[in-house]
Amino acid sequence: MANFIIAQPYSASFTAVSAATSMPASNLNKMQPSDVWRSTSLTSQYIEVDLGSAKAVTVVALMFTNLTSAATWQVQAGSTTAYSNYDSTAVTAWAGATQNVDRPHAFLDLTAASQTYRYWKITLTDAANPAGYFEAGRVILSNAFQGARNYSFGAGRGYKDMTVTKDAFAGQMIVEEKAKRPIISFEANFLTATEAEATILELQRNLSGGVLAMQDPSASTYRMGRMYYGRLSIEPVIAAAFNVYSTRFTVEGLI
């Protein structure tokens, strides 16, 4: 079991081989994953990412896609657009063996060996996709925070029901059904002083946009359903003991 991660995406420039009208590759850099990139075909499609400078990457994710279980993806990186320094090779795109989300995610875990490059390329293959195009709502390249010690018992996962109810004059309950947002909340009770000061408080101070949170990035079976992308809130960091700090992370999905 791997320790939890909090991945705040780098801001980047995105281009793609093709894009449908009003669905450009630049949407992959937006916080809201309902703003999607969509290709115009399934043939020889890839996304290119420019981080602006060489940056350490430990997590690559392609989220909120229409990829089928037969799809593959290939992640390449380099100091130039030849992408000759790193190659994941073509691997199964689905992040987990079970599709327990409405829009599948692809996930590449590089926490054991980070890759520091400016240019990245994601190539997609899914020839039998019935939609006839590729679609994705977010690309994440991040140097994720991974605690030296894992989260504590008592972590919670579920869905926040946005449904609204009100009472009619005659006494009936009127129900306005709305979407259910995924939510995850967990405590990290054994943070070091360096983690608390140099990472958590700085993340809290500079937080903007969405993040990807995962309790166990190595767990493959239900991994897609355990990928929580959304708005992060961090409770005040508490000095729990001498040189031991704690806080609670909560991520509420955006869709």
Protein backbone atom coordinates (compact mmCIF):
# COMPACT_ATOMS: atom_id res chain seq x y z
CA MET A 1 0.00 0.00 0.00
CA ALA A 2 1.40 3.38 -1.03
CA ASN A 3 1.00 6.53 1.04
CA PHE A 4 -1.58 9.17 0.11
CA ILE A 5 -0.84 11.85 -2.48
CA ILE A 6 -2.04 15.40 -3.06
CA ALA A 7 -1.27 16.47 -6.63
CA GLN A 8 -1.64 20.13 -7.59
CA PRO A 9 -1.36 20.38 -11.40
CA TYR A 10 1.25 22.52 -13.06
CA SER A 11 -0.13 25.23 -15.32
CA ALA A 12 0.91 24.37 -18.87
CA SER A 13 0.33 25.01 -22.56
CA PHE A 14 -1.62 22.31 -24.43
CA THR A 15 -1.89 21.51 -28.12
CA ALA A 16 -3.48 18.54 -29.88
CA VAL A 17 -3.49 17.03 -33.36
CA SER A 18 -7.16 17.92 -33.72
CA ALA A 19 -9.89 19.66 -31.75
CA ALA A 20 -13.59 20.13 -32.31
CA THR A 21 -14.97 23.64 -32.54
CA SER A 22 -15.12 25.30 -29.10
CA MET A 23 -13.43 22.26 -27.51
CA PRO A 24 -9.70 23.14 -27.76
CA ALA A 25 -6.81 21.38 -26.07
CA SER A 26 -6.39 24.44 -23.82
CA ASN A 27 -9.50 23.26 -21.94
CA LEU A 28 -7.33 20.54 -20.43
CA ASN A 29 -5.62 23.28 -18.40
CA LYS A 30 -8.86 24.58 -16.92
CA MET A 31 -9.99 23.84 -13.38
CA GLN A 32 -13.50 22.76 -14.39
CA PRO A 33 -13.39 19.33 -16.12
CA SER A 34 -16.76 19.87 -17.79
CA ASP A 35 -14.85 22.12 -20.21
CA VAL A 36 -13.50 19.32 -22.38
CA TRP A 37 -11.07 18.79 -25.20
CA ARG A 38 -12.51 16.70 -28.01
CA SER A 39 -10.67 15.35 -31.03
CA THR A 40 -12.24 15.15 -34.46
CA SER A 41 -11.19 11.55 -35.10
CA LEU A 42 -9.58 8.48 -33.54
CA THR A 43 -6.65 8.29 -35.92
CA SER A 44 -3.13 9.24 -34.75
CA GLN A 45 -4.31 11.45 -31.91
CA TYR A 46 -2.00 12.90 -29.29
CA ILE A 47 -1.74 15.80 -26.86
CA GLU A 48 1.43 17.83 -26.37
CA VAL A 49 2.18 19.64 -23.12
CA ASP A 50 4.73 22.41 -22.54
CA LEU A 51 5.45 23.07 -18.86
CA GLY A 52 7.46 26.19 -19.72
CA SER A 53 10.60 24.81 -18.08
CA ALA A 54 11.88 21.47 -16.87
CA LYS A 55 9.85 20.44 -13.82
CA ALA A 56 9.77 17.29 -11.71
CA VAL A 57 6.73 15.13 -12.45
CA THR A 58 5.63 12.25 -10.23
CA VAL A 59 2.01 11.96 -11.37
CA VAL A 60 0.45 12.05 -14.84
CA ALA A 61 -3.32 11.73 -15.14
CA LEU A 62 -5.78 12.07 -18.01
CA MET A 63 -9.17 12.48 -16.39
CA PHE A 64 -12.87 12.50 -17.27
CA THR A 65 -12.40 10.73 -20.60
CA ASN A 66 -14.55 8.62 -22.91
CA LEU A 67 -11.89 5.92 -23.25
CA THR A 68 -13.07 2.32 -23.47
CA SER A 69 -11.52 -0.63 -21.64
CA ALA A 70 -9.62 -1.47 -24.84
CA ALA A 71 -7.88 1.92 -24.99
CA THR A 72 -4.15 2.40 -24.51
CA TRP A 73 -2.13 5.49 -23.79
CA GLN A 74 1.54 6.30 -24.06
CA VAL A 75 3.32 9.03 -22.11
CA GLN A 76 6.59 10.41 -23.41
CA ALA A 77 8.77 13.26 -22.18
CA GLY A 78 11.98 15.03 -23.03
CA SER A 79 14.10 18.13 -22.95
CA THR A 80 12.99 18.77 -26.55
CA THR A 81 9.87 17.98 -28.56
CA ALA A 82 11.58 14.81 -29.77
CA TYR A 83 10.35 13.32 -26.45
CA SER A 84 13.32 11.00 -26.35
CA ASN A 85 14.15 10.95 -22.63
CA TYR A 86 11.20 9.07 -21.14
CA ASP A 87 8.71 6.60 -22.61
CA SER A 88 6.06 4.68 -20.68
CA THR A 89 5.33 2.62 -23.82
CA ALA A 90 1.71 1.96 -24.77
CA VAL A 91 -0.16 0.60 -21.75
CA THR A 92 -3.79 0.06 -20.76
CA ALA A 93 -5.39 3.47 -20.31
CA TRP A 94 -7.94 2.62 -17.63
CA ALA A 95 -6.44 3.45 -14.25
CA GLY A 96 -8.17 0.47 -12.63
CA ALA A 97 -9.55 -2.91 -13.57
CA THR A 98 -13.09 -1.80 -12.74
CA GLN A 99 -14.91 1.14 -14.33
CA ASN A 100 -16.59 2.53 -11.23
CA VAL A 101 -16.80 6.11 -12.54
CA ASP A 102 -18.92 7.63 -15.30
CA ARG A 103 -15.92 9.02 -17.18
CA PRO A 104 -12.80 6.84 -16.97
CA HIS A 105 -9.37 8.12 -15.92
CA ALA A 106 -5.85 7.16 -16.94
CA PHE A 107 -3.09 7.33 -14.35
CA LEU A 108 0.71 7.03 -14.42
CA ASP A 109 2.50 6.72 -11.07
CA LEU A 110 6.05 8.06 -11.19
CA THR A 111 6.44 8.64 -7.45
CA ALA A 112 9.21 6.03 -7.27
CA ALA A 113 11.25 7.73 -10.01
CA SER A 114 10.25 11.28 -10.89
CA GLN A 115 10.91 12.58 -14.38
CA THR A 116 12.13 16.17 -14.83
CA TYR A 117 11.41 17.48 -18.32
CA ARG A 118 9.71 20.41 -20.00
CA TYR A 119 7.94 18.69 -22.89
CA TRP A 120 5.38 15.89 -22.55
CA LYS A 121 3.31 13.94 -25.06
CA ILE A 122 0.25 11.75 -24.50
CA THR A 123 -0.72 9.42 -27.37
CA LEU A 124 -4.13 7.75 -27.36
CA THR A 125 -5.29 4.61 -29.16
CA ASP A 126 -8.89 3.37 -29.04
CA ALA A 127 -9.81 2.36 -32.58
CA ALA A 128 -13.19 0.83 -31.73
CA ASN A 129 -14.42 3.70 -29.56
CA PRO A 130 -18.11 4.06 -30.57
CA ALA A 131 -18.05 7.85 -30.15
CA GLY A 132 -15.63 8.27 -33.05
CA TYR A 133 -13.55 10.80 -31.10
CA PHE A 134 -11.52 11.23 -27.93
CA GLU A 135 -12.67 13.43 -25.08
CA ALA A 136 -11.03 14.46 -21.81
CA GLY A 137 -11.69 17.06 -19.15
CA ARG A 138 -8.35 17.47 -17.36
CA VAL A 139 -4.69 16.61 -17.72
CA ILE A 140 -2.63 16.61 -14.55
CA LEU A 141 1.15 16.74 -14.45
CA SER A 142 2.33 17.30 -10.92
CA ASN A 143 5.11 16.83 -8.43
CA ALA A 144 2.67 15.40 -5.93
CA PHE A 145 3.06 15.65 -2.17
CA GLN A 146 3.29 12.18 -0.67
CA GLY A 147 3.46 11.93 3.10
CA ALA A 148 6.33 10.07 4.72
CA ARG A 149 3.62 8.45 6.85
CA ASN A 150 0.17 7.51 5.63
CA TYR A 151 -3.20 8.94 6.58
CA SER A 152 -4.83 7.89 9.84
CA PHE A 153 -7.77 5.58 10.48
CA GLY A 154 -11.14 7.30 10.15
CA ALA A 155 -10.82 8.46 6.53
CA GLY A 156 -14.10 8.92 4.71
CA ARG A 157 -15.18 8.64 1.08
CA GLY A 158 -18.59 9.12 -0.46
CA TYR A 159 -20.92 11.46 -2.34
CA LYS A 160 -22.38 14.82 -1.38
CA ASP A 161 -26.01 14.92 -2.49
CA MET A 162 -26.87 18.37 -3.89
CA THR A 163 -30.59 17.56 -4.02
CA VAL A 164 -32.83 20.33 -2.62
CA THR A 165 -36.09 19.69 -0.74
CA LYS A 166 -38.79 22.07 0.39
CA ASP A 167 -42.29 21.80 1.80
CA ALA A 168 -45.39 22.74 -0.17
CA PHE A 169 -48.24 24.64 1.50
CA ALA A 170 -50.30 21.42 1.52
CA GLY A 171 -47.51 19.60 3.34
CA GLN A 172 -45.98 17.57 0.50
CA MET A 173 -42.23 17.37 0.22
CA ILE A 174 -41.03 18.80 -3.10
CA VAL A 175 -37.76 17.25 -4.25
CA GLU A 176 -35.49 18.89 -6.80
CA GLU A 177 -32.96 16.22 -7.64
CA LYS A 178 -29.46 17.36 -8.40
CA ALA A 179 -26.09 15.76 -8.99
CA LYS A 180 -24.03 13.98 -6.35
CA ARG A 181 -20.47 15.19 -5.98
CA PRO A 182 -17.72 12.79 -4.90
CA ILE A 183 -15.97 13.78 -1.68
CA ILE A 184 -13.02 12.46 0.28
CA SER A 185 -11.76 13.50 3.70
CA PHE A 186 -8.84 12.17 5.72
CA GLU A 187 -6.40 13.18 8.43
CA ALA A 188 -2.62 13.11 8.28
CA ASN A 189 -1.65 12.93 11.96
CA PHE A 190 2.06 12.24 11.75
CA LEU A 191 3.47 15.00 9.57
CA THR A 192 7.07 16.05 10.11
CA ALA A 193 7.99 19.67 10.77
CA THR A 194 9.41 19.95 7.26
CA GLU A 195 6.23 18.56 5.70
CA ALA A 196 4.07 20.91 7.75
CA GLU A 197 6.12 24.07 7.19
CA ALA A 198 7.56 23.63 3.73
CA THR A 199 4.71 21.80 2.03
CA ILE A 200 1.31 21.83 3.75
CA LEU A 201 1.27 25.46 4.90
CA GLU A 202 2.70 26.60 1.57
CA LEU A 203 0.10 24.55 -0.29
CA GLN A 204 -2.60 26.10 1.88
CA ARG A 205 -1.24 29.63 1.31
CA ASN A 206 -0.92 29.31 -2.46
CA LEU A 207 -3.82 26.98 -3.18
CA SER A 208 -5.79 27.69 -6.34
CA GLY A 209 -7.60 25.49 -8.82
CA GLY A 210 -8.33 21.80 -8.46
CA VAL A 211 -6.15 19.02 -7.08
CA LEU A 212 -6.03 15.25 -7.39
CA ALA A 213 -6.14 13.35 -4.09
CA MET A 214 -5.62 9.61 -3.76
CA GLN A 215 -5.40 7.55 -0.58
CA ASP A 216 -3.47 4.75 -2.27
CA PRO A 217 -2.14 5.39 -5.79
CA SER A 218 -0.82 1.83 -6.02
CA ALA A 219 -4.21 0.11 -5.56
CA SER A 220 -5.30 -0.82 -9.07
CA THR A 221 -8.65 -2.63 -8.83
CA TYR A 222 -10.84 0.33 -7.87
CA ARG A 223 -8.28 3.05 -8.54
CA MET A 224 -10.45 5.11 -10.91
CA GLY A 225 -13.14 5.49 -8.28
CA ARG A 226 -10.48 6.48 -5.76
CA MET A 227 -9.16 9.35 -7.86
CA TYR A 228 -10.70 12.48 -6.38
CA TYR A 229 -10.27 15.66 -8.41
CA GLY A 230 -11.78 18.82 -7.01
CA ARG A 231 -11.47 21.73 -4.64
CA LEU A 232 -9.12 21.09 -1.71
CA SER A 233 -9.63 22.47 1.78
CA ILE A 234 -6.98 22.06 4.47
CA GLU A 235 -7.72 22.55 8.16
CA PRO A 236 -5.22 24.47 10.31
CA VAL A 237 -2.02 22.54 10.97
CA ILE A 238 -1.94 21.38 14.60
CA ALA A 239 1.17 20.76 16.68
CA ALA A 240 0.06 17.36 17.96
CA ALA A 241 3.31 16.55 19.80
CA PHE A 242 6.95 17.51 19.75
CA ASN A 243 7.90 17.76 16.05
CA VAL A 244 4.67 15.98 15.10
CA TYR A 245 1.95 17.83 13.19
CA SER A 246 -1.50 16.99 11.91
CA THR A 247 -4.20 18.34 9.60
CA ARG A 248 -7.27 17.19 7.69
CA PHE A 249 -7.61 17.23 3.91
CA THR A 250 -11.00 17.37 2.19
CA VAL A 251 -11.50 17.29 -1.56
CA GLU A 252 -14.95 17.89 -3.00
CA GLY A 253 -15.44 16.98 -6.66
CA LEU A 254 -16.27 19.70 -9.17
CA ILE A 255 -18.64 17.48 -11.17
